[in-house]
C-alpha atoms as a PDB file:
ATOM      1  CA  ILE A   1     -51.614 -27.955  82.109  1.00  0.00           C
ATOM      2  CA  THR A   2     -54.344 -26.795  84.471  1.00  0.00           C
ATOM      3  CA  ASP A   3     -57.884 -28.184  84.667  1.00  0.00           C
ATOM      4  CA  PHE A   4     -60.320 -26.809  82.079  1.00  0.00           C
ATOM      5  CA  PRO A   5     -63.757 -27.735  80.692  1.00  0.00           C
ATOM      6  CA  LEU A   6     -63.621 -29.439  77.307  1.00  0.00           C
ATOM      7  CA  HIS A   7     -66.420 -30.216  74.821  1.00  0.00           C
ATOM      8  CA  VAL A   8     -65.641 -32.896  72.258  1.00  0.00           C
ATOM      9  CA  TRP A   9     -67.654 -33.797  69.140  1.00  0.00           C
ATOM     10  CA  VAL A  10     -66.833 -36.985  67.248  1.00  0.00           C
ATOM     11  CA  PHE A  11     -68.007 -37.729  63.697  1.00  0.00           C
ATOM     12  CA  GLN A  12     -67.459 -40.907  61.676  1.00  0.00           C
ATOM     13  CA  PRO A  13     -67.636 -40.075  57.938  1.00  0.00           C
ATOM     14  CA  LYS A  14     -67.510 -43.717  56.845  1.00  0.00           C
ATOM     15  CA  LYS A  15     -70.601 -44.608  58.858  1.00  0.00           C
ATOM     16  CA  MET A  16     -72.381 -41.515  57.518  1.00  0.00           C
ATOM     17  CA  ALA A  17     -71.498 -42.463  53.923  1.00  0.00           C
ATOM     18  CA  GLU A  18     -72.750 -46.014  54.517  1.00  0.00           C
ATOM     19  CA  MET A  19     -75.969 -44.674  56.040  1.00  0.00           C
ATOM     20  CA  LEU A  20     -76.533 -42.290  53.106  1.00  0.00           C
ATOM     21  CA  ALA A  21     -75.772 -45.029  50.583  1.00  0.00           C
ATOM     22  CA  SER A  22     -78.277 -47.371  52.217  1.00  0.00           C
ATOM     23  CA  THR A  23     -81.038 -44.726  52.279  1.00  0.00           C
ATOM     24  CA  ILE A  24     -80.657 -43.706  48.623  1.00  0.00           C
ATOM     25  CA  SER A  25     -82.881 -45.841  46.430  1.00  0.00           C
ATOM     26  CA  PRO A  26     -82.253 -46.226  42.699  1.00  0.00           C
ATOM     27  CA  SER A  27     -84.466 -44.049  40.542  1.00  0.00           C
ATOM     28  CA  PRO A  28     -86.896 -45.671  38.071  1.00  0.00           C
ATOM     29  CA  SER A  29     -85.633 -43.676  35.093  1.00  0.00           C
ATOM     30  CA  PRO A  30     -81.989 -42.764  34.462  1.00  0.00           C
ATOM     31  CA  SER A  31     -83.008 -39.542  32.695  1.00  0.00           C
ATOM     32  CA  LEU A  32     -84.949 -38.361  35.726  1.00  0.00           C
ATOM     33  CA  SER A  33     -82.382 -39.318  38.331  1.00  0.00           C
ATOM     34  CA  SER A  34     -81.653 -36.849  41.069  1.00  0.00           C
ATOM     35  CA  PRO A  35     -78.092 -35.699  41.840  1.00  0.00           C
ATOM     36  CA  LEU A  36     -78.095 -37.757  45.037  1.00  0.00           C
ATOM     37  CA  SER A  37     -79.161 -40.977  43.381  1.00  0.00           C
ATOM     38  CA  SER A  38     -76.632 -40.634  40.579  1.00  0.00           C
ATOM     39  CA  SER A  39     -73.746 -39.746  42.852  1.00  0.00           C
ATOM     40  CA  VAL A  40     -71.518 -42.505  44.073  1.00  0.00           C
ATOM     41  CA  PRO A  41     -70.454 -42.274  47.709  1.00  0.00           C
ATOM     42  CA  PRO A  42     -66.719 -41.876  48.150  1.00  0.00           C
ATOM     43  CA  SER A  43     -64.844 -45.099  48.661  1.00  0.00           C
ATOM     44  CA  SER A  44     -64.230 -45.976  52.270  1.00  0.00           C
ATOM     45  CA  SER A  45     -60.474 -45.916  51.710  1.00  0.00           C
ATOM     46  CA  THR A  46     -60.535 -42.159  50.966  1.00  0.00           C
ATOM     47  CA  LEU A  47     -62.597 -41.155  54.006  1.00  0.00           C
ATOM     48  CA  PRO A  48     -60.922 -40.546  57.359  1.00  0.00           C
ATOM     49  CA  LEU A  49     -61.930 -42.852  60.183  1.00  0.00           C
ATOM     50  CA  ILE A  50     -62.942 -40.144  62.656  1.00  0.00           C
ATOM     51  CA  HIS A  51     -63.209 -36.346  62.775  1.00  0.00           C
ATOM     52  CA  ILE A  52     -62.844 -34.800  66.221  1.00  0.00           C
ATOM     53  CA  ILE A  53     -63.648 -31.213  67.195  1.00  0.00           C
ATOM     54  CA  ALA A  54     -62.770 -29.929  70.641  1.00  0.00           C
ATOM     55  CA  HIS A  55     -63.827 -26.657  72.260  1.00  0.00           C
ATOM     56  CA  THR A  56     -62.980 -25.061  75.572  1.00  0.00           C
ATOM     57  CA  SER A  57     -64.419 -21.868  77.012  1.00  0.00           C
ATOM     58  CA  GLN A  58     -61.341 -21.103  79.128  1.00  0.00           C
ATOM     59  CA  GLU A  59     -57.806 -20.160  78.229  1.00  0.00           C
ATOM     60  CA  VAL A  60     -55.441 -23.133  78.301  1.00  0.00           C
ATOM     61  CA  THR A  61     -51.760 -22.852  79.123  1.00  0.00           C
ATOM     62  CA  VAL A  62     -49.473 -25.340  77.380  1.00  0.00           C
ATOM     63  CA  LYS A  63     -45.689 -25.596  77.066  1.00  0.00           C
ATOM     64  CA  LEU A  64     -44.544 -26.167  73.476  1.00  0.00           C
ATOM     65  CA  GLU A  65     -41.221 -26.953  71.948  1.00  0.00           C
ATOM     66  CA  ARG A  66     -39.943 -24.613  69.250  1.00  0.00           C
ATOM     67  CA  LEU A  67     -40.779 -26.970  66.356  1.00  0.00           C
ATOM     68  CA  HIS A  68     -44.331 -27.490  67.608  1.00  0.00           C
ATOM     69  CA  PHE A  69     -44.780 -23.738  67.881  1.00  0.00           C
ATOM     70  CA  LEU A  70     -43.463 -23.196  64.332  1.00  0.00           C
ATOM     71  CA  PHE A  71     -45.802 -25.878  63.015  1.00  0.00           C
ATOM     72  CA  LEU A  72     -48.801 -24.267  64.723  1.00  0.00           C
ATOM     73  CA  MET A  73     -47.888 -20.814  63.422  1.00  0.00           C
ATOM     74  CA  ARG A  74     -47.532 -22.102  59.843  1.00  0.00           C
ATOM     75  CA  PHE A  75     -50.780 -24.020  60.210  1.00  0.00           C
ATOM     76  CA  LYS A  76     -52.510 -20.835  61.396  1.00  0.00           C
ATOM     77  CA  ASP A  77     -51.121 -18.957  58.387  1.00  0.00           C
ATOM     78  CA  SER A  78     -52.314 -21.636  55.974  1.00  0.00           C
ATOM     79  CA  LEU A  79     -55.800 -21.633  57.568  1.00  0.00           C
ATOM     80  CA  GLN A  80     -55.906 -17.841  57.281  1.00  0.00           C
ATOM     81  CA  GLY A  81     -54.952 -18.097  53.588  1.00  0.00           C
ATOM     82  CA  PHE A  82     -57.635 -20.736  53.040  1.00  0.00           C
ATOM     83  CA  LYS A  83     -60.199 -18.531  54.784  1.00  0.00           C
ATOM     84  CA  ASN A  84     -59.272 -15.555  52.576  1.00  0.00           C
ATOM     85  CA  THR A  85     -59.477 -17.676  49.414  1.00  0.00           C
ATOM     86  CA  LEU A  86     -62.834 -19.105  50.488  1.00  0.00           C
ATOM     87  CA  MET A  87     -64.233 -15.644  51.274  1.00  0.00           C
ATOM     88  CA  LYS A  88     -63.125 -14.359  47.846  1.00  0.00           C
ATOM     89  CA  PHE A  89     -64.715 -17.372  46.159  1.00  0.00           C
ATOM     90  CA  LEU A  90     -67.972 -16.954  48.075  1.00  0.00           C
ATOM     91  CA  SER A  91     -68.157 -13.234  47.313  1.00  0.00           C
ATOM     92  CA  ILE A  92     -67.479 -13.866  43.603  1.00  0.00           C
ATOM     93  CA  GLN A  93     -70.039 -16.689  43.623  1.00  0.00           C
ATOM     94  CA  SER A  94     -72.689 -14.435  45.207  1.00  0.00           C
ATOM     95  CA  ILE A  95     -71.979 -11.704  42.616  1.00  0.00           C
ATOM     96  CA  ILE A  96     -72.336 -14.234  39.787  1.00  0.00           C
ATOM     97  CA  GLU A  97     -75.591 -15.590  41.232  1.00  0.00           C
ATOM     98  CA  SER A  98     -77.063 -12.105  41.720  1.00  0.00           C
ATOM     99  CA  GLN A  99     -76.125 -11.114  38.147  1.00  0.00           C
ATOM    100  CA  SER A 100     -77.641 -14.303  36.715  1.00  0.00           C
ATOM    101  CA  GLU A 101     -80.850 -13.682  38.685  1.00  0.00           C
ATOM    102  CA  ALA A 102     -81.009 -10.107  37.363  1.00  0.00           C
ATOM    103  CA  PHE A 103     -80.419 -11.413  33.825  1.00  0.00           C
ATOM    104  CA  GLN A 104     -83.227 -13.968  34.217  1.00  0.00           C
ATOM    105  CA  ILE A 105     -85.592 -11.267  35.488  1.00  0.00           C
ATOM    106  CA  GLN A 106     -84.791  -9.065  32.473  1.00  0.00           C
ATOM    107  CA  ILE A 107     -85.428 -11.940  30.064  1.00  0.00           C
ATOM    108  CA  GLN A 108     -88.767 -12.720  31.707  1.00  0.00           C
ATOM    109  CA  GLN A 109     -89.835  -9.073  31.586  1.00  0.00           C
ATOM    110  CA  GLU A 110     -88.978  -8.774  27.868  1.00  0.00           C
ATOM    111  CA  GLU A 111     -91.005 -11.857  26.944  1.00  0.00           C
END
């Protein structure tokens, strides 16, 4: 592997959940509670310890064994499938939202 610049971002979900849980104060009335105050933060056992994202602006050359290469190719395919599913969901969601807005406008105009 040759030298290359690398940017790394590290995120600790457990600490973020603890911070959010400590900043949320209980609401005075249960009927008027906001979604944030009524939601329970995920248990610390279900959250990963650390998320790491790495980025490089240069091409990196790496030698892989066959099994590693197959794993990466299948992983790429599964990410592509997830992306396609997510894009379909988001486009359907935007269509539903635009139709509901148009329906609300028609109801308001008729009244």
